[in-house]
Amino acid sequence: SFTGVQHSSIYSMQLDQSDVVQTAATPEPGTLAILLGALPAAAFYL
């Protein structure tokens, strides 16, 4: 469950499930560079 603010839009969603405990999802190798590149933006955003 979640609530957005007025004038926000939801463009896409994905729901993943597993029967094994994992504290953090491990992205595919090609995605790792994207995540690392996003960290500075995340820090600035916060």
PDB file of all heavy atoms in Angstrom:
ATOM      1  N   SER A   1       0.833  -1.206   0.000  1.00  0.00           N
ATOM      2  CA  SER A   1       0.000   0.000   0.000  1.00  0.00           C
ATOM      3  C   SER A   1       0.867   1.255   0.000  1.00  0.00           C
ATOM      4  O   SER A   1       1.919   1.296   0.648  1.00  0.00           O
ATOM      5  CB  SER A   1      -0.908   0.020   1.239  1.00  0.00           C
ATOM      6  OG  SER A   1      -1.681  -1.156   1.333  1.00  0.00           O
ATOM      7  N   PHE A   2       0.407   2.283  -0.708  1.00  0.00           N
ATOM      8  CA  PHE A   2       1.125   3.561  -0.724  1.00  0.00           C
ATOM      9  C   PHE A   2       0.174   4.648  -1.220  1.00  0.00           C
ATOM     10  O   PHE A   2      -0.866   4.369  -1.826  1.00  0.00           O
ATOM     11  CB  PHE A   2       2.365   3.500  -1.611  1.00  0.00           C
ATOM     12  CG  PHE A   2       2.089   3.118  -3.043  1.00  0.00           C
ATOM     13  CD1 PHE A   2       1.870   4.088  -4.014  1.00  0.00           C
ATOM     14  CD2 PHE A   2       2.028   1.781  -3.420  1.00  0.00           C
ATOM     15  CE1 PHE A   2       1.605   3.734  -5.324  1.00  0.00           C
ATOM     16  CE2 PHE A   2       1.770   1.415  -4.736  1.00  0.00           C
ATOM     17  CZ  PHE A   2       1.558   2.393  -5.693  1.00  0.00           C
ATOM     18  N   THR A   3       0.554   5.903  -0.956  1.00  0.00           N
ATOM     19  CA  THR A   3      -0.241   7.060  -1.363  1.00  0.00           C
ATOM     20  C   THR A   3       0.666   8.087  -2.027  1.00  0.00           C
ATOM     21  O   THR A   3       1.722   8.430  -1.490  1.00  0.00           O
ATOM     22  CB  THR A   3      -0.941   7.708  -0.148  1.00  0.00           C
ATOM     23  OG1 THR A   3      -1.777   6.735   0.488  1.00  0.00           O
ATOM     24  CG2 THR A   3      -1.789   8.898  -0.575  1.00  0.00           C
ATOM     25  N   GLY A   4       0.254   8.575  -3.194  1.00  0.00           N
ATOM     26  CA  GLY A   4       1.009   9.602  -3.886  1.00  0.00           C
ATOM     27  C   GLY A   4       0.506  10.991  -3.566  1.00  0.00           C
ATOM     28  O   GLY A   4      -0.502  11.166  -2.878  1.00  0.00           O
ATOM     29  N   VAL A   5       1.220  11.989  -4.059  1.00  0.00           N
ATOM     30  CA  VAL A   5       0.783  13.368  -3.906  1.00  0.00           C
ATOM     31  C   VAL A   5       0.044  13.802  -5.168  1.00  0.00           C
ATOM     32  O   VAL A   5       0.150  13.162  -6.217  1.00  0.00           O
ATOM     33  CB  VAL A   5       1.976  14.318  -3.649  1.00  0.00           C
ATOM     34  CG1 VAL A   5       2.664  13.969  -2.342  1.00  0.00           C
ATOM     35  CG2 VAL A   5       2.954  14.296  -4.820  1.00  0.00           C
ATOM     36  N   GLN A   6      -0.713  14.873  -5.071  1.00  0.00           N
ATOM     37  CA  GLN A   6      -1.399  15.393  -6.247  1.00  0.00           C
ATOM     38  C   GLN A   6      -0.395  15.775  -7.333  1.00  0.00           C
ATOM     39  O   GLN A   6       0.674  16.308  -7.043  1.00  0.00           O
ATOM     40  CB  GLN A   6      -2.246  16.611  -5.875  1.00  0.00           C
ATOM     41  CG  GLN A   6      -3.536  16.258  -5.171  1.00  0.00           C
ATOM     42  CD  GLN A   6      -4.473  17.453  -5.018  1.00  0.00           C
ATOM     43  OE1 GLN A   6      -4.321  18.465  -5.700  1.00  0.00           O
ATOM     44  NE2 GLN A   6      -5.438  17.326  -4.120  1.00  0.00           N
ATOM     45  N   HIS A   7      -0.730  15.469  -8.562  1.00  0.00           N
ATOM     46  CA  HIS A   7       0.049  15.737  -9.775  1.00  0.00           C
ATOM     47  C   HIS A   7       1.204  14.760  -9.986  1.00  0.00           C
ATOM     48  O   HIS A   7       1.959  14.918 -10.941  1.00  0.00           O
ATOM     49  CB  HIS A   7       0.569  17.185  -9.803  1.00  0.00           C
ATOM     50  CG  HIS A   7      -0.486  18.210  -9.548  1.00  0.00           C
ATOM     51  ND1 HIS A   7      -1.612  18.318 -10.341  1.00  0.00           N
ATOM     52  CD2 HIS A   7      -0.607  19.153  -8.561  1.00  0.00           C
ATOM     53  CE1 HIS A   7      -2.370  19.292  -9.865  1.00  0.00           C
ATOM     54  NE2 HIS A   7      -1.800  19.804  -8.791  1.00  0.00           N
ATOM     55  N   SER A   8       1.349  13.764  -9.118  1.00  0.00           N
ATOM     56  CA  SER A   8       2.347  12.725  -9.368  1.00  0.00           C
ATOM     57  C   SER A   8       1.742  11.662 -10.286  1.00  0.00           C
ATOM     58  O   SER A   8       0.527  11.524 -10.383  1.00  0.00           O
ATOM     59  CB  SER A   8       2.814  12.085  -8.057  1.00  0.00           C
ATOM     60  OG  SER A   8       1.744  11.382  -7.429  1.00  0.00           O
ATOM     61  N   SER A   9       2.613  10.925 -10.966  1.00  0.00           N
ATOM     62  CA  SER A   9       2.171   9.849 -11.858  1.00  0.00           C
ATOM     63  C   SER A   9       2.976   8.589 -11.578  1.00  0.00           C
ATOM     64  O   SER A   9       4.176   8.666 -11.261  1.00  0.00           O
ATOM     65  CB  SER A   9       2.350  10.245 -13.331  1.00  0.00           C
ATOM     66  OG  SER A   9       1.423  11.233 -13.720  1.00  0.00           O
ATOM     67  N   ILE A  10       2.314   7.444 -11.706  1.00  0.00           N
ATOM     68  CA  ILE A  10       2.972   6.143 -11.562  1.00  0.00           C
ATOM     69  C   ILE A  10       3.126   5.565 -12.957  1.00  0.00           C
ATOM     70  O   ILE A  10       2.137   5.358 -13.672  1.00  0.00           O
ATOM     71  CB  ILE A  10       2.142   5.199 -10.674  1.00  0.00           C
ATOM     72  CG1 ILE A  10       1.931   5.820  -9.294  1.00  0.00           C
ATOM     73  CG2 ILE A  10       2.836   3.838 -10.541  1.00  0.00           C
ATOM     74  CD1 ILE A  10       0.856   5.138  -8.488  1.00  0.00           C
ATOM     75  N   TYR A  11       4.367   5.287 -13.368  1.00  0.00           N
ATOM     76  CA  TYR A  11       4.631   4.856 -14.744  1.00  0.00           C
ATOM     77  C   TYR A  11       4.879   3.362 -14.880  1.00  0.00           C
ATOM     78  O   TYR A  11       4.549   2.769 -15.905  1.00  0.00           O
ATOM     79  CB  TYR A  11       5.825   5.626 -15.302  1.00  0.00           C
ATOM     80  CG  TYR A  11       5.558   7.101 -15.437  1.00  0.00           C
ATOM     81  CD1 TYR A  11       6.155   8.023 -14.588  1.00  0.00           C
ATOM     82  CD2 TYR A  11       4.683   7.572 -16.410  1.00  0.00           C
ATOM     83  CE1 TYR A  11       5.898   9.376 -14.709  1.00  0.00           C
ATOM     84  CE2 TYR A  11       4.415   8.929 -16.534  1.00  0.00           C
ATOM     85  CZ  TYR A  11       5.033   9.823 -15.686  1.00  0.00           C
ATOM     86  OH  TYR A  11       4.765  11.163 -15.797  1.00  0.00           O
ATOM     87  N   SER A  12       5.466   2.740 -13.883  1.00  0.00           N
ATOM     88  CA  SER A  12       5.729   1.306 -13.964  1.00  0.00           C
ATOM     89  C   SER A  12       5.950   0.754 -12.558  1.00  0.00           C
ATOM     90  O   SER A  12       6.307   1.491 -11.636  1.00  0.00           O
ATOM     91  CB  SER A  12       6.954   1.007 -14.844  1.00  0.00           C
ATOM     92  OG  SER A  12       8.126   1.563 -14.270  1.00  0.00           O
ATOM     93  N   MET A  13       5.733  -0.574 -12.417  1.00  0.00           N
ATOM     94  CA  MET A  13       5.951  -1.260 -11.147  1.00  0.00           C
ATOM     95  C   MET A  13       6.397  -2.688 -11.438  1.00  0.00           C
ATOM     96  O   MET A  13       6.120  -3.236 -12.511  1.00  0.00           O
ATOM     97  CB  MET A  13       4.668  -1.282 -10.300  1.00  0.00           C
ATOM     98  CG  MET A  13       4.159   0.076  -9.876  1.00  0.00           C
ATOM     99  SD  MET A  13       2.620  -0.041  -8.903  1.00  0.00           S
ATOM    100  CE  MET A  13       1.502  -0.644 -10.163  1.00  0.00           C
ATOM    101  N   GLN A  14       7.071  -3.266 -10.467  1.00  0.00           N
ATOM    102  CA  GLN A  14       7.456  -4.677 -10.567  1.00  0.00           C
ATOM    103  C   GLN A  14       7.480  -5.289  -9.173  1.00  0.00           C
ATOM    104  O   GLN A  14       7.956  -4.679  -8.219  1.00  0.00           O
ATOM    105  CB  GLN A  14       8.826  -4.828 -11.223  1.00  0.00           C
ATOM    106  CG  GLN A  14       9.247  -6.287 -11.414  1.00  0.00           C
ATOM    107  CD  GLN A  14      10.456  -6.423 -12.319  1.00  0.00           C
ATOM    108  OE1 GLN A  14      10.430  -5.972 -13.462  1.00  0.00           O
ATOM    109  NE2 GLN A  14      11.526  -7.039 -11.810  1.00  0.00           N
ATOM    110  N   LEU A  15       6.954  -6.506  -9.075  1.00  0.00           N
ATOM    111  CA  LEU A  15       6.869  -7.226  -7.809  1.00  0.00           C
ATOM    112  C   LEU A  15       7.625  -8.538  -7.959  1.00  0.00           C
ATOM    113  O   LEU A  15       7.282  -9.371  -8.799  1.00  0.00           O
ATOM    114  CB  LEU A  15       5.400  -7.489  -7.484  1.00  0.00           C
ATOM    115  CG  LEU A  15       4.997  -7.869  -6.066  1.00  0.00           C
ATOM    116  CD1 LEU A  15       5.368  -6.777  -5.076  1.00  0.00           C
ATOM    117  CD2 LEU A  15       3.496  -8.138  -6.018  1.00  0.00           C
ATOM    118  N   ASP A  16       8.696  -8.720  -7.153  1.00  0.00           N
ATOM    119  CA  ASP A  16       9.498  -9.942  -7.179  1.00  0.00           C
ATOM    120  C   ASP A  16       9.346 -10.682  -5.863  1.00  0.00           C
ATOM    121  O   ASP A  16       9.300 -10.062  -4.793  1.00  0.00           O
ATOM    122  CB  ASP A  16      10.975  -9.615  -7.410  1.00  0.00           C
ATOM    123  CG  ASP A  16      11.250  -9.138  -8.818  1.00  0.00           C
ATOM    124  OD1 ASP A  16      11.055  -7.935  -9.103  1.00  0.00           O
ATOM    125  OD2 ASP A  16      11.667  -9.967  -9.642  1.00  0.00           O
ATOM    126  N   GLN A  17       9.300 -12.027  -5.943  1.00  0.00           N
ATOM    127  CA  GLN A  17       9.178 -12.863  -4.756  1.00  0.00           C
ATOM    128  C   GLN A  17      10.195 -13.998  -4.794  1.00  0.00           C
ATOM    129  O   GLN A  17      10.579 -14.465  -5.873  1.00  0.00           O
ATOM    130  CB  GLN A  17       7.772 -13.466  -4.669  1.00  0.00           C
ATOM    131  CG  GLN A  17       6.651 -12.441  -4.731  1.00  0.00           C
ATOM    132  CD  GLN A  17       5.282 -13.089  -4.817  1.00  0.00           C
ATOM    133  OE1 GLN A  17       4.999 -14.069  -4.106  1.00  0.00           O
ATOM    134  NE2 GLN A  17       4.421 -12.558  -5.668  1.00  0.00           N
ATOM    135  N   SER A  18      10.605 -14.432  -3.616  1.00  0.00           N
ATOM    136  CA  SER A  18      11.516 -15.571  -3.502  1.00  0.00           C
ATOM    137  C   SER A  18      11.242 -16.312  -2.200  1.00  0.00           C
ATOM    138  O   SER A  18      10.777 -15.715  -1.220  1.00  0.00           O
ATOM    139  CB  SER A  18      12.978 -15.108  -3.543  1.00  0.00           C
ATOM    140  OG  SER A  18      13.850 -16.185  -3.269  1.00  0.00           O
ATOM    141  N   ASP A  19      11.535 -17.612  -2.187  1.00  0.00           N
ATOM    142  CA  ASP A  19      11.377 -18.398  -0.963  1.00  0.00           C
ATOM    143  C   ASP A  19      12.687 -18.479  -0.182  1.00  0.00           C
ATOM    144  O   ASP A  19      12.811 -19.282   0.752  1.00  0.00           O
ATOM    145  CB  ASP A  19      10.850 -19.805  -1.280  1.00  0.00           C
ATOM    146  CG  ASP A  19      11.775 -20.596  -2.187  1.00  0.00           C
ATOM    147  OD1 ASP A  19      12.817 -20.054  -2.616  1.00  0.00           O
ATOM    148  OD2 ASP A  19      11.457 -21.772  -2.484  1.00  0.00           O
ATOM    149  N   VAL A  20      13.674 -17.669  -0.565  1.00  0.00           N
ATOM    150  CA  VAL A  20      14.968 -17.624   0.114  1.00  0.00           C
ATOM    151  C   VAL A  20      15.187 -16.231   0.669  1.00  0.00           C
ATOM    152  O   VAL A  20      14.898 -15.226  -0.004  1.00  0.00           O
ATOM    153  CB  VAL A  20      16.111 -17.999  -0.848  1.00  0.00           C
ATOM    154  CG1 VAL A  20      17.471 -17.817  -0.187  1.00  0.00           C
ATOM    155  CG2 VAL A  20      15.945 -19.431  -1.336  1.00  0.00           C
ATOM    156  N   VAL A  21      15.695 -16.127   1.899  1.00  0.00           N
ATOM    157  CA  VAL A  21      15.970 -14.830   2.509  1.00  0.00           C
ATOM    158  C   VAL A  21      17.162 -14.188   1.806  1.00  0.00           C
ATOM    159  O   VAL A  21      18.197 -14.821   1.605  1.00  0.00           O
ATOM    160  CB  VAL A  21      16.283 -14.984   4.011  1.00  0.00           C
ATOM    161  CG1 VAL A  21      16.664 -13.636   4.616  1.00  0.00           C
ATOM    162  CG2 VAL A  21      15.102 -15.594   4.742  1.00  0.00           C
ATOM    163  N   GLN A  22      17.031 -12.930   1.434  1.00  0.00           N
ATOM    164  CA  GLN A  22      18.129 -12.161   0.848  1.00  0.00           C
ATOM    165  C   GLN A  22      17.928 -10.712   1.247  1.00  0.00           C
ATOM    166  O   GLN A  22      16.916 -10.100   0.944  1.00  0.00           O
ATOM    167  CB  GLN A  22      18.175 -12.321  -0.667  1.00  0.00           C
ATOM    168  CG  GLN A  22      16.840 -12.412  -1.350  1.00  0.00           C
ATOM    169  CD  GLN A  22      16.897 -13.309  -2.561  1.00  0.00           C
ATOM    170  OE1 GLN A  22      17.886 -13.378  -3.260  1.00  0.00           O
ATOM    171  NE2 GLN A  22      15.803 -14.000  -2.816  1.00  0.00           N
ATOM    172  N   THR A  23      18.899 -10.184   1.953  1.00  0.00           N
ATOM    173  CA  THR A  23      18.766  -8.839   2.515  1.00  0.00           C
ATOM    174  C   THR A  23      18.768  -7.777   1.438  1.00  0.00           C
ATOM    175  O   THR A  23      18.248  -6.692   1.618  1.00  0.00           O
ATOM    176  CB  THR A  23      19.883  -8.550   3.515  1.00  0.00           C
ATOM    177  OG1 THR A  23      21.155  -8.731   2.859  1.00  0.00           O
ATOM    178  CG2 THR A  23      19.797  -9.500   4.692  1.00  0.00           C
ATOM    179  N   ALA A  24      19.380  -8.055   0.281  1.00  0.00           N
ATOM    180  CA  ALA A  24      19.393  -7.087  -0.820  1.00  0.00           C
ATOM    181  C   ALA A  24      19.390  -7.843  -2.123  1.00  0.00           C
ATOM    182  O   ALA A  24      20.077  -8.852  -2.276  1.00  0.00           O
ATOM    183  CB  ALA A  24      20.625  -6.182  -0.739  1.00  0.00           C
ATOM    184  N   ALA A  25      18.605  -7.372  -3.069  1.00  0.00           N
ATOM    185  CA  ALA A  25      18.564  -8.013  -4.374  1.00  0.00           C
ATOM    186  C   ALA A  25      19.864  -7.762  -5.117  1.00  0.00           C
ATOM    187  O   ALA A  25      20.442  -6.683  -5.034  1.00  0.00           O
ATOM    188  CB  ALA A  25      17.400  -7.466  -5.183  1.00  0.00           C
ATOM    189  N   THR A  26      20.370  -8.755  -5.839  1.00  0.00           N
ATOM    190  CA  THR A  26      21.590  -8.620  -6.617  1.00  0.00           C
ATOM    191  C   THR A  26      21.227  -8.391  -8.071  1.00  0.00           C
ATOM    192  O   THR A  26      20.658  -9.266  -8.713  1.00  0.00           O
ATOM    193  CB  THR A  26      22.453  -9.899  -6.509  1.00  0.00           C
ATOM    194  OG1 THR A  26      22.711 -10.159  -5.139  1.00  0.00           O
ATOM    195  CG2 THR A  26      23.766  -9.710  -7.272  1.00  0.00           C
ATOM    196  N   PRO A  27      21.530  -7.195  -8.617  1.00  0.00           N
ATOM    197  CA  PRO A  27      21.156  -6.923  -9.999  1.00  0.00           C
ATOM    198  C   PRO A  27      22.023  -7.670 -10.981  1.00  0.00           C
ATOM    199  O   PRO A  27      23.110  -8.148 -10.642  1.00  0.00           O
ATOM    200  CB  PRO A  27      21.380  -5.413 -10.123  1.00  0.00           C
ATOM    201  CG  PRO A  27      22.448  -5.120  -9.124  1.00  0.00           C
ATOM    202  CD  PRO A  27      22.198  -6.075  -7.978  1.00  0.00           C
ATOM    203  N   GLU A  28      21.541  -7.771 -12.194  1.00  0.00           N
ATOM    204  CA  GLU A  28      22.335  -8.362 -13.257  1.00  0.00           C
ATOM    205  C   GLU A  28      23.591  -7.524 -13.472  1.00  0.00           C
ATOM    206  O   GLU A  28      23.609  -6.323 -13.193  1.00  0.00           O
ATOM    207  CB  GLU A  28      21.520  -8.404 -14.557  1.00  0.00           C
ATOM    208  CG  GLU A  28      20.294  -9.293 -14.482  1.00  0.00           C
ATOM    209  CD  GLU A  28      20.646 -10.766 -14.376  1.00  0.00           C
ATOM    210  OE1 GLU A  28      21.792 -11.119 -14.717  1.00  0.00           O
ATOM    211  OE2 GLU A  28      19.780 -11.551 -13.949  1.00  0.00           O
ATOM    212  N   PRO A  29      24.703  -8.121 -13.956  1.00  0.00           N
ATOM    213  CA  PRO A  29      25.948  -7.367 -14.123  1.00  0.00           C
ATOM    214  C   PRO A  29      25.777  -6.090 -14.924  1.00  0.00           C
ATOM    215  O   PRO A  29      26.372  -5.066 -14.608  1.00  0.00           O
ATOM    216  CB  PRO A  29      26.857  -8.371 -14.852  1.00  0.00           C
ATOM    217  CG  PRO A  29      26.336  -9.704 -14.449  1.00  0.00           C
ATOM    218  CD  PRO A  29      24.852  -9.530 -14.304  1.00  0.00           C
ATOM    219  N   GLY A  30      24.966  -6.126 -15.972  1.00  0.00           N
ATOM    220  CA  GLY A  30      24.784  -4.939 -16.793  1.00  0.00           C
ATOM    221  C   GLY A  30      24.061  -3.824 -16.074  1.00  0.00           C
ATOM    222  O   GLY A  30      24.152  -2.657 -16.452  1.00  0.00           O
ATOM    223  N   THR A  31      23.318  -4.176 -15.006  1.00  0.00           N
ATOM    224  CA  THR A  31      22.564  -3.183 -14.263  1.00  0.00           C
ATOM    225  C   THR A  31      23.388  -2.555 -13.157  1.00  0.00           C
ATOM    226  O   THR A  31      23.092  -1.451 -12.696  1.00  0.00           O
ATOM    227  CB  THR A  31      21.309  -3.837 -13.634  1.00  0.00           C
ATOM    228  OG1 THR A  31      20.587  -4.506 -14.662  1.00  0.00           O
ATOM    229  CG2 THR A  31      20.405  -2.800 -12.980  1.00  0.00           C
ATOM    230  N   LEU A  32      24.453  -3.238 -12.733  1.00  0.00           N
ATOM    231  CA  LEU A  32      25.251  -2.764 -11.616  1.00  0.00           C
ATOM    232  C   LEU A  32      25.825  -1.380 -11.880  1.00  0.00           C
ATOM    233  O   LEU A  32      25.832  -0.520 -10.998  1.00  0.00           O
ATOM    234  CB  LEU A  32      26.385  -3.761 -11.330  1.00  0.00           C
ATOM    235  CG  LEU A  32      27.249  -3.459 -10.094  1.00  0.00           C
ATOM    236  CD1 LEU A  32      26.369  -3.418  -8.852  1.00  0.00           C
ATOM    237  CD2 LEU A  32      28.337  -4.509  -9.933  1.00  0.00           C
ATOM    238  N   ALA A  33      26.297  -1.137 -13.094  1.00  0.00           N
ATOM    239  CA  ALA A  33      26.858   0.168 -13.430  1.00  0.00           C
ATOM    240  C   ALA A  33      25.811   1.262 -13.318  1.00  0.00           C
ATOM    241  O   ALA A  33      26.095   2.373 -12.892  1.00  0.00           O
ATOM    242  CB  ALA A  33      27.442   0.143 -14.837  1.00  0.00           C
ATOM    243  N   ILE A  34      24.571   0.932 -13.684  1.00  0.00           N
ATOM    244  CA  ILE A  34      23.493   1.908 -13.583  1.00  0.00           C
ATOM    245  C   ILE A  34      23.251   2.272 -12.132  1.00  0.00           C
ATOM    246  O   ILE A  34      23.101   3.435 -11.770  1.00  0.00           O
ATOM    247  CB  ILE A  34      22.201   1.356 -14.216  1.00  0.00           C
ATOM    248  CG1 ILE A  34      22.436   1.085 -15.710  1.00  0.00           C
ATOM    249  CG2 ILE A  34      21.034   2.319 -14.020  1.00  0.00           C
ATOM    250  CD1 ILE A  34      21.257   0.459 -16.399  1.00  0.00           C
ATOM    251  N   LEU A  35      23.235   1.250 -11.258  1.00  0.00           N
ATOM    252  CA  LEU A  35      22.996   1.503  -9.841  1.00  0.00           C
ATOM    253  C   LEU A  35      24.115   2.329  -9.235  1.00  0.00           C
ATOM    254  O   LEU A  35      23.878   3.247  -8.449  1.00  0.00           O
ATOM    255  CB  LEU A  35      22.858   0.174  -9.092  1.00  0.00           C
ATOM    256  CG  LEU A  35      21.676  -0.699  -9.501  1.00  0.00           C
ATOM    257  CD1 LEU A  35      21.590  -1.909  -8.592  1.00  0.00           C
ATOM    258  CD2 LEU A  35      20.383   0.080  -9.463  1.00  0.00           C
ATOM    259  N   LEU A  36      25.371   1.998  -9.583  1.00  0.00           N
ATOM    260  CA  LEU A  36      26.491   2.752  -9.048  1.00  0.00           C
ATOM    261  C   LEU A  36      26.434   4.197  -9.512  1.00  0.00           C
ATOM    262  O   LEU A  36      26.735   5.125  -8.762  1.00  0.00           O
ATOM    263  CB  LEU A  36      27.814   2.102  -9.478  1.00  0.00           C
ATOM    264  CG  LEU A  36      28.092   0.724  -8.868  1.00  0.00           C
ATOM    265  CD1 LEU A  36      29.392   0.154  -9.435  1.00  0.00           C
ATOM    266  CD2 LEU A  36      28.168   0.795  -7.356  1.00  0.00           C
ATOM    267  N   GLY A  37      26.025   4.391 -10.746  1.00  0.00           N
ATOM    268  CA  GLY A  37      25.898   5.744 -11.262  1.00  0.00           C
ATOM    269  C   GLY A  37      24.768   6.513 -10.613  1.00  0.00           C
ATOM    270  O   GLY A  37      24.778   7.737 -10.571  1.00  0.00           O
ATOM    271  N   ALA A  38      23.787   5.785 -10.088  1.00  0.00           N
ATOM    272  CA  ALA A  38      22.637   6.453  -9.470  1.00  0.00           C
ATOM    273  C   ALA A  38      22.909   6.878  -8.042  1.00  0.00           C
ATOM    274  O   ALA A  38      22.195   7.709  -7.499  1.00  0.00           O
ATOM    275  CB  ALA A  38      21.419   5.517  -9.492  1.00  0.00           C
ATOM    276  N   LEU A  39      23.946   6.335  -7.405  1.00  0.00           N
ATOM    277  CA  LEU A  39      24.189   6.641  -6.000  1.00  0.00           C
ATOM    278  C   LEU A  39      24.440   8.123  -5.747  1.00  0.00           C
ATOM    279  O   LEU A  39      23.897   8.690  -4.801  1.00  0.00           O
ATOM    280  CB  LEU A  39      25.359   5.793  -5.482  1.00  0.00           C
ATOM    281  CG  LEU A  39      25.055   4.297  -5.353  1.00  0.00           C
ATOM    282  CD1 LEU A  39      26.287   3.562  -4.848  1.00  0.00           C
ATOM    283  CD2 LEU A  39      23.877   4.054  -4.427  1.00  0.00           C
ATOM    284  N   PRO A  40      25.276   8.819  -6.560  1.00  0.00           N
ATOM    285  CA  PRO A  40      25.431  10.254  -6.324  1.00  0.00           C
ATOM    286  C   PRO A  40      24.118  11.007  -6.441  1.00  0.00           C
ATOM    287  O   PRO A  40      23.841  11.919  -5.668  1.00  0.00           O
ATOM    288  CB  PRO A  40      26.432  10.681  -7.409  1.00  0.00           C
ATOM    289  CG  PRO A  40      27.159   9.430  -7.765  1.00  0.00           C
ATOM    290  CD  PRO A  40      26.138   8.331  -7.624  1.00  0.00           C
ATOM    291  N   ALA A  41      23.295  10.613  -7.424  1.00  0.00           N
ATOM    292  CA  ALA A  41      21.988  11.270  -7.588  1.00  0.00           C
ATOM    293  C   ALA A  41      21.113  11.000  -6.380  1.00  0.00           C
ATOM    294  O   ALA A  41      20.366  11.869  -5.939  1.00  0.00           O
ATOM    295  CB  ALA A  41      21.306  10.784  -8.862  1.00  0.00           C
ATOM    296  N   ALA A  42      21.192   9.786  -5.832  1.00  0.00           N
ATOM    297  CA  ALA A  42      20.380   9.451  -4.658  1.00  0.00           C
ATOM    298  C   ALA A  42      20.786  10.291  -3.465  1.00  0.00           C
ATOM    299  O   ALA A  42      19.940  10.791  -2.726  1.00  0.00           O
ATOM    300  CB  ALA A  42      20.529   7.962  -4.339  1.00  0.00           C
ATOM    301  N   ALA A  43      22.097  10.455  -3.269  1.00  0.00           N
ATOM    302  CA  ALA A  43      22.576  11.250  -2.143  1.00  0.00           C
ATOM    303  C   ALA A  43      22.130  12.705  -2.294  1.00  0.00           C
ATOM    304  O   ALA A  43      21.678  13.331  -1.340  1.00  0.00           O
ATOM    305  CB  ALA A  43      24.097  11.161  -2.053  1.00  0.00           C
ATOM    306  N   PHE A  44      22.251  13.243  -3.510  1.00  0.00           N
ATOM    307  CA  PHE A  44      21.820  14.614  -3.759  1.00  0.00           C
ATOM    308  C   PHE A  44      20.328  14.749  -3.529  1.00  0.00           C
ATOM    309  O   PHE A  44      19.862  15.715  -2.932  1.00  0.00           O
ATOM    310  CB  PHE A  44      22.168  15.022  -5.186  1.00  0.00           C
ATOM    311  CG  PHE A  44      21.751  16.432  -5.521  1.00  0.00           C
ATOM    312  CD1 PHE A  44      22.593  17.490  -5.248  1.00  0.00           C
ATOM    313  CD2 PHE A  44      20.509  16.689  -6.092  1.00  0.00           C
ATOM    314  CE1 PHE A  44      22.208  18.798  -5.549  1.00  0.00           C
ATOM    315  CE2 PHE A  44      20.126  17.983  -6.392  1.00  0.00           C
ATOM    316  CZ  PHE A  44      20.978  19.037  -6.123  1.00  0.00           C
ATOM    317  N   TYR A  45      19.577  13.751  -3.982  1.00  0.00           N
ATOM    318  CA  TYR A  45      18.118  13.758  -3.836  1.00  0.00           C
ATOM    319  C   TYR A  45      17.725  13.800  -2.368  1.00  0.00           C
ATOM    320  O   TYR A  45      16.868  14.571  -1.966  1.00  0.00           O
ATOM    321  CB  TYR A  45      17.543  12.527  -4.511  1.00  0.00           C
ATOM    322  CG  TYR A  45      16.081  12.269  -4.229  1.00  0.00           C
ATOM    323  CD1 TYR A  45      15.086  12.932  -4.935  1.00  0.00           C
ATOM    324  CD2 TYR A  45      15.694  11.352  -3.254  1.00  0.00           C
ATOM    325  CE1 TYR A  45      13.754  12.696  -4.685  1.00  0.00           C
ATOM    326  CE2 TYR A  45      14.363  11.116  -3.001  1.00  0.00           C
ATOM    327  CZ  TYR A  45      13.402  11.795  -3.721  1.00  0.00           C
ATOM    328  OH  TYR A  45      12.082  11.541  -3.457  1.00  0.00           O
ATOM    329  N   LEU A  46      18.376  12.977  -1.537  1.00  0.00           N
ATOM    330  CA  LEU A  46      18.033  12.937  -0.124  1.00  0.00           C
ATOM    331  C   LEU A  46      18.362  14.258   0.547  1.00  0.00           C
ATOM    332  O   LEU A  46      17.601  14.757   1.370  1.00  0.00           O
ATOM    333  CB  LEU A  46      18.776  11.781   0.555  1.00  0.00           C
ATOM    334  CG  LEU A  46      18.318  10.378   0.126  1.00  0.00           C
ATOM    335  CD1 LEU A  46      19.201   9.329   0.783  1.00  0.00           C
ATOM    336  CD2 LEU A  46      16.857  10.140   0.471  1.00  0.00           C
TER     337      LEU A  46
END
